[in-house]
Amino acid sequence: MKKIISLSAIILVTLIMSGCGKATKPNIAEQGGLVPAPENTTATPVQPVVPSEADVIPQTQPVTISIQNFAFSPSSVTVAKGTRVTWINNDSVPHQIKGDSFDSPSLAQGESWYYVSNQAGTFNYYCSIHPSMKGSVTIR
C-alpha cells in the first residue's frame, strides 16, 4: 500500500512540475491566424467586401447544366473562355438549346450536348421546343 501511495505522490509531483515550466507563446496557426494589434493604437473596424458581378471568378472546370422539370439548372453560369458547358436532358421529353451563337440538336432523355467558346460575352439561350425555358452563359 505504501508503494502505491509513494508512486502516486511521485506522479503527482511530476505532473505539477511539468506544468510549472516556462510557458511558450502559441504560433499564429494555433491562434487561428489572428495577430494581436500593436499597443497604443486604435483599431478601425473593417467593412466586409461584397464582390460585384465583375469580381466573380469565372468557373474554369467543365460545367453541366441539367434540363429537368422544363427548366435549366442552373439557369445562368459564368465561365472562363474555353470552358466546356454541357447540357444534359433529364426530362422525359426532348429539348433543344438555341442561342445566337449555338444551336443543339434535339436531345432525348439522357442525351447531352456541349458548347465551348473563346469569345467573351453573355449568351442568352432557350429551348426552341419550349420557348419559356431560358438561361444564359457568361464567358469571361
N, C-alpha and C. Protein backbone atom coordinates (compact mmCIF):
# COMPACT_ATOMS: atom_id res chain seq x y z
N MET A 1 0.82 -1.19 0.00
CA MET A 1 0.00 0.00 0.00
C MET A 1 0.88 1.26 0.00
N LYS A 2 2.00 1.21 0.77
CA LYS A 2 2.90 2.36 0.82
C LYS A 2 3.52 2.62 -0.55
N LYS A 3 3.78 1.54 -1.31
CA LYS A 3 4.36 1.69 -2.64
C LYS A 3 3.39 2.44 -3.56
N ILE A 4 2.10 2.14 -3.46
CA ILE A 4 1.10 2.79 -4.31
C ILE A 4 1.01 4.27 -3.95
N ILE A 5 1.00 4.59 -2.67
CA ILE A 5 0.93 6.00 -2.25
C ILE A 5 2.19 6.73 -2.69
N SER A 6 3.36 6.10 -2.53
CA SER A 6 4.62 6.74 -2.95
C SER A 6 4.63 6.96 -4.45
N LEU A 7 4.19 5.94 -5.21
CA LEU A 7 4.14 6.06 -6.66
C LEU A 7 3.17 7.16 -7.08
N SER A 8 2.03 7.25 -6.43
CA SER A 8 1.05 8.29 -6.72
C SER A 8 1.62 9.67 -6.43
N ALA A 9 2.34 9.79 -5.34
CA ALA A 9 2.94 11.07 -4.96
C ALA A 9 3.99 11.48 -5.99
N ILE A 10 4.77 10.54 -6.48
CA ILE A 10 5.80 10.84 -7.49
C ILE A 10 5.15 11.30 -8.78
N ILE A 11 4.08 10.62 -9.19
CA ILE A 11 3.38 11.00 -10.41
C ILE A 11 2.78 12.39 -10.26
N LEU A 12 2.17 12.67 -9.10
CA LEU A 12 1.56 13.98 -8.85
C LEU A 12 2.61 15.08 -8.89
N VAL A 13 3.74 14.86 -8.24
CA VAL A 13 4.81 15.86 -8.23
C VAL A 13 5.33 16.08 -9.65
N THR A 14 5.48 15.02 -10.44
CA THR A 14 5.96 15.13 -11.82
C THR A 14 4.99 15.95 -12.67
N LEU A 15 3.70 15.69 -12.51
CA LEU A 15 2.70 16.46 -13.26
C LEU A 15 2.72 17.93 -12.88
N ILE A 16 2.83 18.20 -11.59
CA ILE A 16 2.87 19.61 -11.15
C ILE A 16 4.11 20.29 -11.68
N MET A 17 5.24 19.64 -11.62
CA MET A 17 6.49 20.24 -12.08
C MET A 17 6.48 20.46 -13.59
N SER A 18 5.87 19.56 -14.36
CA SER A 18 5.86 19.74 -15.81
C SER A 18 5.00 20.93 -16.21
N GLY A 19 4.04 21.29 -15.39
CA GLY A 19 3.19 22.44 -15.69
C GLY A 19 3.80 23.75 -15.23
N CYS A 20 4.89 23.71 -14.49
CA CYS A 20 5.50 24.92 -13.96
C CYS A 20 6.59 25.47 -14.86
N GLY A 21 6.86 24.84 -15.96
CA GLY A 21 7.90 25.31 -16.86
C GLY A 21 7.50 26.62 -17.51
N LYS A 22 8.41 27.21 -18.23
CA LYS A 22 8.16 28.48 -18.92
C LYS A 22 7.11 28.26 -20.02
N ALA A 23 6.07 29.06 -19.99
CA ALA A 23 5.02 28.94 -21.00
C ALA A 23 5.55 29.40 -22.34
N THR A 24 5.18 28.68 -23.38
CA THR A 24 5.60 29.09 -24.72
C THR A 24 4.45 29.81 -25.39
N LYS A 25 4.78 30.75 -26.22
CA LYS A 25 3.78 31.52 -26.95
C LYS A 25 3.29 30.70 -28.13
N PRO A 26 1.96 30.53 -28.29
CA PRO A 26 1.47 29.74 -29.42
C PRO A 26 1.80 30.44 -30.73
N ASN A 27 2.01 29.65 -31.77
CA ASN A 27 2.28 30.26 -33.07
C ASN A 27 0.99 30.79 -33.68
N ILE A 28 1.10 31.49 -34.80
CA ILE A 28 -0.05 32.13 -35.46
C ILE A 28 -1.12 31.10 -35.79
N ALA A 29 -0.73 29.94 -36.30
CA ALA A 29 -1.73 28.93 -36.69
C ALA A 29 -2.54 28.48 -35.48
N GLU A 30 -1.90 28.38 -34.30
CA GLU A 30 -2.61 27.97 -33.10
C GLU A 30 -3.57 29.07 -32.63
N GLN A 31 -3.34 30.30 -33.03
CA GLN A 31 -4.20 31.41 -32.64
C GLN A 31 -5.32 31.62 -33.65
N GLY A 32 -5.46 30.74 -34.59
CA GLY A 32 -6.49 30.90 -35.60
C GLY A 32 -6.16 31.98 -36.62
N GLY A 33 -4.88 32.29 -36.78
CA GLY A 33 -4.49 33.27 -37.79
C GLY A 33 -4.63 34.71 -37.34
N LEU A 34 -4.95 34.95 -36.08
CA LEU A 34 -5.12 36.32 -35.60
C LEU A 34 -3.79 36.85 -35.11
N VAL A 35 -3.51 38.10 -35.42
CA VAL A 35 -2.29 38.76 -34.97
C VAL A 35 -2.72 39.88 -34.04
N PRO A 36 -2.18 39.92 -32.81
CA PRO A 36 -2.59 40.98 -31.89
C PRO A 36 -2.23 42.36 -32.42
N ALA A 37 -3.10 43.33 -32.16
CA ALA A 37 -2.86 44.71 -32.59
C ALA A 37 -1.71 45.29 -31.78
N PRO A 38 -0.91 46.17 -32.40
CA PRO A 38 0.17 46.82 -31.66
C PRO A 38 -0.42 47.65 -30.51
N GLU A 39 0.36 47.77 -29.43
CA GLU A 39 -0.12 48.57 -28.31
C GLU A 39 -0.19 50.04 -28.69
N ASN A 40 -1.03 50.79 -27.99
CA ASN A 40 -1.22 52.23 -28.18
C ASN A 40 -1.73 52.58 -29.58
N THR A 41 -2.56 51.74 -30.15
CA THR A 41 -3.18 52.07 -31.43
C THR A 41 -4.68 51.93 -31.29
N THR A 42 -5.38 52.59 -32.15
CA THR A 42 -6.84 52.49 -32.16
C THR A 42 -7.24 51.62 -33.33
N ALA A 43 -8.03 50.60 -33.05
CA ALA A 43 -8.47 49.70 -34.11
C ALA A 43 -9.58 50.35 -34.92
N THR A 44 -9.50 50.23 -36.22
CA THR A 44 -10.53 50.74 -37.11
C THR A 44 -11.33 49.56 -37.62
N PRO A 45 -12.66 49.59 -37.46
CA PRO A 45 -13.44 48.45 -37.95
C PRO A 45 -13.29 48.29 -39.45
N VAL A 46 -13.23 47.05 -39.90
CA VAL A 46 -13.07 46.74 -41.31
C VAL A 46 -14.44 46.40 -41.87
N GLN A 47 -14.79 47.05 -42.97
CA GLN A 47 -16.06 46.77 -43.63
C GLN A 47 -15.89 45.55 -44.52
N PRO A 48 -16.87 44.62 -44.49
CA PRO A 48 -16.74 43.46 -45.36
C PRO A 48 -16.81 43.86 -46.83
N VAL A 49 -16.08 43.14 -47.65
CA VAL A 49 -16.07 43.41 -49.08
C VAL A 49 -17.05 42.44 -49.74
N VAL A 50 -18.03 42.99 -50.41
CA VAL A 50 -19.00 42.18 -51.13
C VAL A 50 -18.64 42.27 -52.61
N PRO A 51 -18.28 41.13 -53.22
CA PRO A 51 -17.85 41.20 -54.62
C PRO A 51 -19.00 41.57 -55.54
N SER A 52 -18.68 42.38 -56.53
CA SER A 52 -19.67 42.69 -57.55
C SER A 52 -19.62 41.58 -58.58
N GLU A 53 -20.56 41.57 -59.49
CA GLU A 53 -20.58 40.53 -60.52
C GLU A 53 -19.30 40.56 -61.34
N ALA A 54 -18.71 41.74 -61.50
CA ALA A 54 -17.47 41.88 -62.26
C ALA A 54 -16.30 41.20 -61.55
N ASP A 55 -16.41 41.04 -60.19
CA ASP A 55 -15.35 40.42 -59.42
C ASP A 55 -15.47 38.91 -59.31
N VAL A 56 -16.58 38.34 -59.75
CA VAL A 56 -16.78 36.90 -59.63
C VAL A 56 -15.77 36.17 -60.51
N ILE A 57 -15.09 35.22 -59.91
CA ILE A 57 -14.09 34.47 -60.65
C ILE A 57 -14.81 33.45 -61.51
N PRO A 58 -14.57 33.46 -62.81
CA PRO A 58 -15.25 32.52 -63.69
C PRO A 58 -14.87 31.08 -63.40
N GLN A 59 -15.81 30.21 -63.63
CA GLN A 59 -15.60 28.78 -63.49
C GLN A 59 -14.68 28.30 -64.61
N THR A 60 -13.65 27.51 -64.29
CA THR A 60 -12.76 27.01 -65.32
C THR A 60 -12.93 25.51 -65.53
N GLN A 61 -13.51 24.81 -64.58
CA GLN A 61 -13.79 23.39 -64.73
C GLN A 61 -15.02 23.22 -65.61
N PRO A 62 -15.15 22.09 -66.29
CA PRO A 62 -16.36 21.88 -67.10
C PRO A 62 -17.62 22.06 -66.26
N VAL A 63 -18.63 22.63 -66.87
CA VAL A 63 -19.89 22.93 -66.17
C VAL A 63 -21.00 22.11 -66.83
N THR A 64 -21.87 21.54 -65.99
CA THR A 64 -23.02 20.79 -66.50
C THR A 64 -24.30 21.50 -66.10
N ILE A 65 -25.16 21.71 -67.08
CA ILE A 65 -26.47 22.31 -66.84
C ILE A 65 -27.50 21.21 -67.04
N SER A 66 -28.29 20.98 -66.03
CA SER A 66 -29.31 19.94 -66.08
C SER A 66 -30.61 20.51 -66.66
N ILE A 67 -31.22 19.75 -67.55
CA ILE A 67 -32.54 20.11 -68.08
C ILE A 67 -33.51 19.17 -67.37
N GLN A 68 -34.31 19.75 -66.49
CA GLN A 68 -35.21 18.93 -65.69
C GLN A 68 -36.42 19.75 -65.28
N ASN A 69 -37.60 19.11 -65.31
CA ASN A 69 -38.85 19.79 -64.96
C ASN A 69 -39.06 21.04 -65.81
N PHE A 70 -38.70 20.96 -67.08
CA PHE A 70 -38.87 22.04 -68.04
C PHE A 70 -38.15 23.32 -67.58
N ALA A 71 -36.92 23.12 -67.06
CA ALA A 71 -36.10 24.25 -66.63
C ALA A 71 -34.63 23.88 -66.77
N PHE A 72 -33.77 24.91 -66.93
CA PHE A 72 -32.33 24.74 -66.95
C PHE A 72 -31.83 24.99 -65.53
N SER A 73 -30.97 24.11 -65.02
CA SER A 73 -30.47 24.28 -63.67
C SER A 73 -28.96 24.00 -63.64
N PRO A 74 -28.16 25.02 -63.32
CA PRO A 74 -28.54 26.40 -63.04
C PRO A 74 -28.95 27.12 -64.32
N SER A 75 -29.76 28.15 -64.14
CA SER A 75 -30.26 28.87 -65.32
C SER A 75 -29.21 29.83 -65.89
N SER A 76 -28.23 30.22 -65.07
CA SER A 76 -27.16 31.07 -65.59
C SER A 76 -25.84 30.64 -64.96
N VAL A 77 -24.80 30.68 -65.77
CA VAL A 77 -23.45 30.32 -65.31
C VAL A 77 -22.46 31.33 -65.85
N THR A 78 -21.34 31.49 -65.14
CA THR A 78 -20.23 32.33 -65.59
C THR A 78 -19.01 31.44 -65.68
N VAL A 79 -18.39 31.41 -66.84
CA VAL A 79 -17.24 30.53 -67.07
C VAL A 79 -16.11 31.30 -67.75
N ALA A 80 -14.93 30.74 -67.68
CA ALA A 80 -13.78 31.32 -68.38
C ALA A 80 -13.82 30.90 -69.85
N LYS A 81 -13.15 31.67 -70.68
CA LYS A 81 -13.04 31.31 -72.10
C LYS A 81 -12.49 29.90 -72.21
N GLY A 82 -13.04 29.14 -73.14
CA GLY A 82 -12.56 27.78 -73.38
C GLY A 82 -13.14 26.73 -72.46
N THR A 83 -14.04 27.11 -71.57
CA THR A 83 -14.65 26.13 -70.65
C THR A 83 -15.76 25.38 -71.35
N ARG A 84 -15.81 24.10 -71.14
CA ARG A 84 -16.85 23.25 -71.74
C ARG A 84 -18.12 23.35 -70.90
N VAL A 85 -19.22 23.75 -71.54
CA VAL A 85 -20.53 23.82 -70.89
C VAL A 85 -21.39 22.72 -71.51
N THR A 86 -21.86 21.80 -70.69
CA THR A 86 -22.63 20.65 -71.17
C THR A 86 -24.06 20.72 -70.63
N TRP A 87 -25.01 20.51 -71.52
CA TRP A 87 -26.42 20.41 -71.13
C TRP A 87 -26.79 18.93 -71.21
N ILE A 88 -27.48 18.43 -70.19
CA ILE A 88 -27.95 17.05 -70.22
C ILE A 88 -29.46 17.04 -69.95
N ASN A 89 -30.18 16.34 -70.82
CA ASN A 89 -31.63 16.30 -70.71
C ASN A 89 -32.05 15.20 -69.73
N ASN A 90 -32.58 15.61 -68.60
CA ASN A 90 -33.09 14.68 -67.59
C ASN A 90 -34.61 14.62 -67.61
N ASP A 91 -35.24 15.27 -68.58
CA ASP A 91 -36.70 15.21 -68.74
C ASP A 91 -37.05 14.04 -69.65
N SER A 92 -38.30 13.62 -69.59
CA SER A 92 -38.74 12.51 -70.45
C SER A 92 -39.14 12.98 -71.85
N VAL A 93 -39.12 14.29 -72.08
CA VAL A 93 -39.47 14.85 -73.39
C VAL A 93 -38.21 15.49 -74.00
N PRO A 94 -38.15 15.62 -75.32
CA PRO A 94 -36.96 16.22 -75.95
C PRO A 94 -36.88 17.74 -75.72
N HIS A 95 -35.65 18.23 -75.74
CA HIS A 95 -35.37 19.67 -75.64
C HIS A 95 -34.28 20.01 -76.65
N GLN A 96 -34.26 21.29 -77.06
CA GLN A 96 -33.24 21.75 -78.00
C GLN A 96 -32.76 23.12 -77.53
N ILE A 97 -31.45 23.26 -77.30
CA ILE A 97 -30.86 24.50 -76.81
C ILE A 97 -30.55 25.39 -78.00
N LYS A 98 -31.04 26.62 -77.98
CA LYS A 98 -30.86 27.55 -79.09
C LYS A 98 -30.40 28.89 -78.54
N GLY A 99 -29.30 29.39 -79.09
CA GLY A 99 -28.80 30.71 -78.75
C GLY A 99 -28.34 31.41 -80.01
N ASP A 100 -27.91 32.67 -79.88
CA ASP A 100 -27.42 33.40 -81.05
C ASP A 100 -26.18 32.74 -81.64
N SER A 101 -25.34 32.13 -80.77
CA SER A 101 -24.08 31.56 -81.22
C SER A 101 -24.08 30.04 -81.30
N PHE A 102 -25.14 29.41 -80.86
CA PHE A 102 -25.15 27.95 -80.87
C PHE A 102 -26.57 27.41 -81.01
N ASP A 103 -26.65 26.16 -81.48
CA ASP A 103 -27.94 25.50 -81.71
C ASP A 103 -27.70 24.00 -81.60
N SER A 104 -28.25 23.39 -80.55
CA SER A 104 -28.04 21.96 -80.37
C SER A 104 -29.03 21.16 -81.20
N PRO A 105 -28.73 19.89 -81.41
CA PRO A 105 -29.77 19.03 -81.99
C PRO A 105 -30.82 18.77 -80.91
N SER A 106 -31.91 18.18 -81.28
CA SER A 106 -32.94 17.80 -80.31
C SER A 106 -32.36 16.72 -79.40
N LEU A 107 -32.47 16.92 -78.10
CA LEU A 107 -31.90 15.99 -77.13
C LEU A 107 -33.01 15.17 -76.49
N ALA A 108 -32.94 13.86 -76.64
CA ALA A 108 -33.88 12.97 -75.97
C ALA A 108 -33.43 12.78 -74.52
N GLN A 109 -34.27 12.15 -73.73
CA GLN A 109 -33.92 11.91 -72.32
C GLN A 109 -32.58 11.18 -72.22
N GLY A 110 -31.70 11.69 -71.36
CA GLY A 110 -30.39 11.09 -71.16
C GLY A 110 -29.31 11.57 -72.12
N GLU A 111 -29.68 12.26 -73.17
CA GLU A 111 -28.68 12.76 -74.12
C GLU A 111 -28.11 14.09 -73.64
N SER A 112 -26.89 14.38 -74.10
CA SER A 112 -26.24 15.63 -73.72
C SER A 112 -25.60 16.27 -74.94
N TRP A 113 -25.29 17.56 -74.79
CA TRP A 113 -24.65 18.34 -75.84
C TRP A 113 -23.79 19.40 -75.16
N TYR A 114 -22.63 19.71 -75.72
CA TYR A 114 -21.77 20.71 -75.09
C TYR A 114 -21.40 21.82 -76.07
N TYR A 115 -20.94 22.94 -75.47
CA TYR A 115 -20.54 24.13 -76.22
C TYR A 115 -19.28 24.69 -75.57
N VAL A 116 -18.32 25.08 -76.38
CA VAL A 116 -17.09 25.72 -75.90
C VAL A 116 -16.89 26.98 -76.72
N SER A 117 -16.60 28.11 -76.04
CA SER A 117 -16.37 29.36 -76.76
C SER A 117 -15.16 30.08 -76.19
N ASN A 118 -14.44 30.74 -77.05
CA ASN A 118 -13.33 31.61 -76.63
C ASN A 118 -13.70 33.07 -76.81
N GLN A 119 -14.98 33.32 -77.05
CA GLN A 119 -15.46 34.69 -77.22
C GLN A 119 -16.14 35.14 -75.93
N ALA A 120 -15.69 36.25 -75.36
CA ALA A 120 -16.29 36.77 -74.13
C ALA A 120 -17.65 37.39 -74.42
N GLY A 121 -18.51 37.33 -73.43
CA GLY A 121 -19.83 37.94 -73.55
C GLY A 121 -20.87 37.12 -72.82
N THR A 122 -22.08 37.63 -72.81
CA THR A 122 -23.20 36.91 -72.22
C THR A 122 -24.07 36.40 -73.35
N PHE A 123 -24.32 35.11 -73.33
CA PHE A 123 -25.08 34.45 -74.37
C PHE A 123 -26.37 33.89 -73.77
N ASN A 124 -27.48 34.49 -74.17
CA ASN A 124 -28.78 34.00 -73.72
C ASN A 124 -29.20 32.84 -74.61
N TYR A 125 -29.89 31.90 -74.03
CA TYR A 125 -30.37 30.76 -74.80
C TYR A 125 -31.75 30.35 -74.29
N TYR A 126 -32.40 29.48 -75.04
CA TYR A 126 -33.73 28.97 -74.66
C TYR A 126 -33.93 27.62 -75.31
N CYS A 127 -34.98 26.93 -74.94
CA CYS A 127 -35.34 25.68 -75.59
C CYS A 127 -36.23 26.03 -76.77
N SER A 128 -35.80 25.68 -77.98
CA SER A 128 -36.60 26.04 -79.15
C SER A 128 -37.91 25.25 -79.21
N ILE A 129 -38.01 24.14 -78.49
CA ILE A 129 -39.25 23.36 -78.44
C ILE A 129 -40.18 23.93 -77.37
N HIS A 130 -39.59 24.44 -76.27
CA HIS A 130 -40.36 25.01 -75.15
C HIS A 130 -39.77 26.39 -74.84
N PRO A 131 -40.15 27.43 -75.59
CA PRO A 131 -39.51 28.75 -75.50
C PRO A 131 -39.58 29.43 -74.13
N SER A 132 -40.43 28.95 -73.23
CA SER A 132 -40.46 29.56 -71.89
C SER A 132 -39.24 29.15 -71.06
N MET A 133 -38.52 28.13 -71.50
CA MET A 133 -37.30 27.70 -70.81
C MET A 133 -36.14 28.57 -71.28
N LYS A 134 -35.53 29.32 -70.34
CA LYS A 134 -34.48 30.27 -70.72
C LYS A 134 -33.28 30.15 -69.78
N GLY A 135 -32.12 30.54 -70.30
CA GLY A 135 -30.91 30.56 -69.49
C GLY A 135 -29.88 31.46 -70.12
N SER A 136 -28.71 31.54 -69.47
CA SER A 136 -27.62 32.36 -70.03
C SER A 136 -26.27 31.79 -69.61
N VAL A 137 -25.30 32.00 -70.48
CA VAL A 137 -23.91 31.64 -70.21
C VAL A 137 -23.10 32.92 -70.39
N THR A 138 -22.37 33.31 -69.34
CA THR A 138 -21.47 34.46 -69.43
C THR A 138 -20.06 33.92 -69.52
N ILE A 139 -19.34 34.35 -70.54
CA ILE A 139 -17.97 33.90 -70.77
C ILE A 139 -17.04 35.09 -70.59
N ARG A 140 -16.04 34.90 -69.74
CA ARG A 140 -15.07 35.98 -69.45
C ARG A 140 -13.68 35.57 -69.84
